[in-house]
Amino acid sequence: MVTKQLIENLKGKNLDDLREISKKLNELIEIRKSEVAWSNKSQLKIGSIVTVPHGKLKGKELRVEKINIKKAVLSILNENSTVKWNVPLSMIEIK
């Protein structure tokens, strides 16, 4: 409901105001992604079971193989594949 009210309020704004709002929103999104990534990184351990709600990995359980600065290397559980996925820490959901 709040989102609809915000959109209605934004419809009357001029282009410069909308650009400024967009810039601030993008900054907030980046800050939030960083917070989620650091939170995830502090909870992740090699061997942890995680999920990724995105694309080809959606609905699959994955094992953490390696933790890098901004991404983790994951492998799909219960598959004989040797494929490893580099996934941003902010996209990982810990089970």
Protein backbone atom coordinates (compact mmCIF):
# COMPACT_ATOMS: atom_id res chain seq x y z
CA MET A 1 0.00 0.00 0.00
CA VAL A 2 2.83 2.38 0.85
CA THR A 3 4.45 1.74 -2.55
CA LYS A 4 1.29 2.83 -4.39
CA GLN A 5 1.16 6.05 -2.37
CA LEU A 6 4.82 6.77 -3.10
CA ILE A 7 4.28 6.25 -6.82
CA GLU A 8 1.27 8.54 -6.81
CA ASN A 9 3.33 11.25 -5.06
CA LEU A 10 6.16 10.85 -7.58
CA LYS A 11 3.90 11.32 -10.61
CA GLY A 12 3.70 15.06 -9.95
CA LYS A 13 7.47 15.59 -9.65
CA ASN A 14 9.56 17.20 -12.37
CA LEU A 15 12.36 15.35 -14.16
CA ASP A 16 15.22 16.82 -12.10
CA ASP A 17 13.54 15.80 -8.84
CA LEU A 18 12.95 12.28 -10.18
CA ARG A 19 16.59 11.96 -11.20
CA GLU A 20 17.71 13.03 -7.72
CA ILE A 21 15.30 10.55 -6.11
CA SER A 22 16.54 7.80 -8.43
CA LYS A 23 20.16 8.56 -7.52
CA LYS A 24 19.38 8.39 -3.79
CA LEU A 25 17.41 5.16 -4.20
CA ASN A 26 20.28 3.54 -6.09
CA GLU A 27 22.66 4.56 -3.29
CA LEU A 28 20.32 3.05 -0.69
CA ILE A 29 20.04 -0.17 -2.69
CA GLU A 30 23.84 -0.50 -2.92
CA ILE A 31 24.20 0.12 0.82
CA ARG A 32 21.56 -2.50 1.60
CA LYS A 33 23.20 -5.05 -0.74
CA SER A 34 26.53 -4.48 1.03
CA GLU A 35 24.89 -4.98 4.43
CA VAL A 36 23.30 -8.24 3.28
CA ALA A 37 26.58 -9.44 1.77
CA TRP A 38 28.55 -8.75 4.97
CA SER A 39 25.88 -10.40 7.08
CA ASN A 40 25.91 -13.47 4.83
CA LYS A 41 29.69 -13.59 4.78
CA SER A 42 29.88 -13.61 8.57
CA GLN A 43 27.45 -16.57 8.72
CA LEU A 44 28.88 -18.61 5.82
CA LYS A 45 31.29 -21.46 6.34
CA ILE A 46 32.80 -23.88 3.87
CA GLY A 47 30.39 -26.79 3.60
CA SER A 48 27.31 -24.70 4.51
CA ILE A 49 24.11 -25.54 2.65
CA VAL A 50 22.54 -22.52 0.95
CA THR A 51 20.03 -21.57 -1.75
CA VAL A 52 20.05 -18.89 -4.44
CA PRO A 53 16.63 -17.56 -5.53
CA HIS A 54 17.73 -16.67 -9.03
CA GLY A 55 17.86 -18.14 -12.52
CA LYS A 56 19.32 -21.60 -13.06
CA LEU A 57 20.00 -22.15 -9.36
CA LYS A 58 16.49 -21.37 -8.13
CA GLY A 59 15.08 -24.15 -5.95
CA LYS A 60 18.38 -26.05 -5.71
CA GLU A 61 20.45 -26.68 -2.61
CA LEU A 62 24.09 -25.74 -2.94
CA ARG A 63 27.23 -26.33 -0.90
CA VAL A 64 29.73 -23.56 -0.21
CA GLU A 65 33.12 -24.59 -1.60
CA LYS A 66 35.05 -21.34 -1.16
CA ILE A 67 34.34 -17.84 0.16
CA ASN A 68 35.93 -14.93 -1.68
CA ILE A 69 35.75 -11.22 -0.89
CA LYS A 70 32.53 -10.47 -2.82
CA LYS A 71 31.42 -13.88 -4.08
CA ALA A 72 31.22 -17.48 -2.96
CA VAL A 73 31.96 -20.56 -5.04
CA LEU A 74 29.02 -22.98 -4.82
CA SER A 75 28.37 -26.49 -6.11
CA ILE A 76 24.97 -28.14 -6.52
CA LEU A 77 24.19 -30.90 -4.02
CA ASN A 78 23.11 -34.35 -5.22
CA GLU A 79 24.44 -33.88 -8.75
CA ASN A 80 27.44 -35.60 -10.24
CA SER A 81 28.35 -32.42 -12.08
CA THR A 82 31.67 -30.69 -11.41
CA VAL A 83 30.24 -27.27 -12.30
CA LYS A 84 31.01 -24.54 -9.78
CA TRP A 85 29.05 -21.29 -9.59
CA ASN A 86 30.46 -17.90 -8.53
CA VAL A 87 27.56 -16.19 -6.76
CA PRO A 88 27.52 -12.71 -5.15
CA LEU A 89 27.22 -12.93 -1.37
CA SER A 90 24.16 -10.66 -1.40
CA MET A 91 22.22 -13.25 -3.46
CA ILE A 92 22.85 -16.19 -1.13
CA GLU A 93 20.18 -17.34 1.31
CA ILE A 94 21.51 -19.36 4.22
CA LYS A 95 19.40 -22.33 5.32
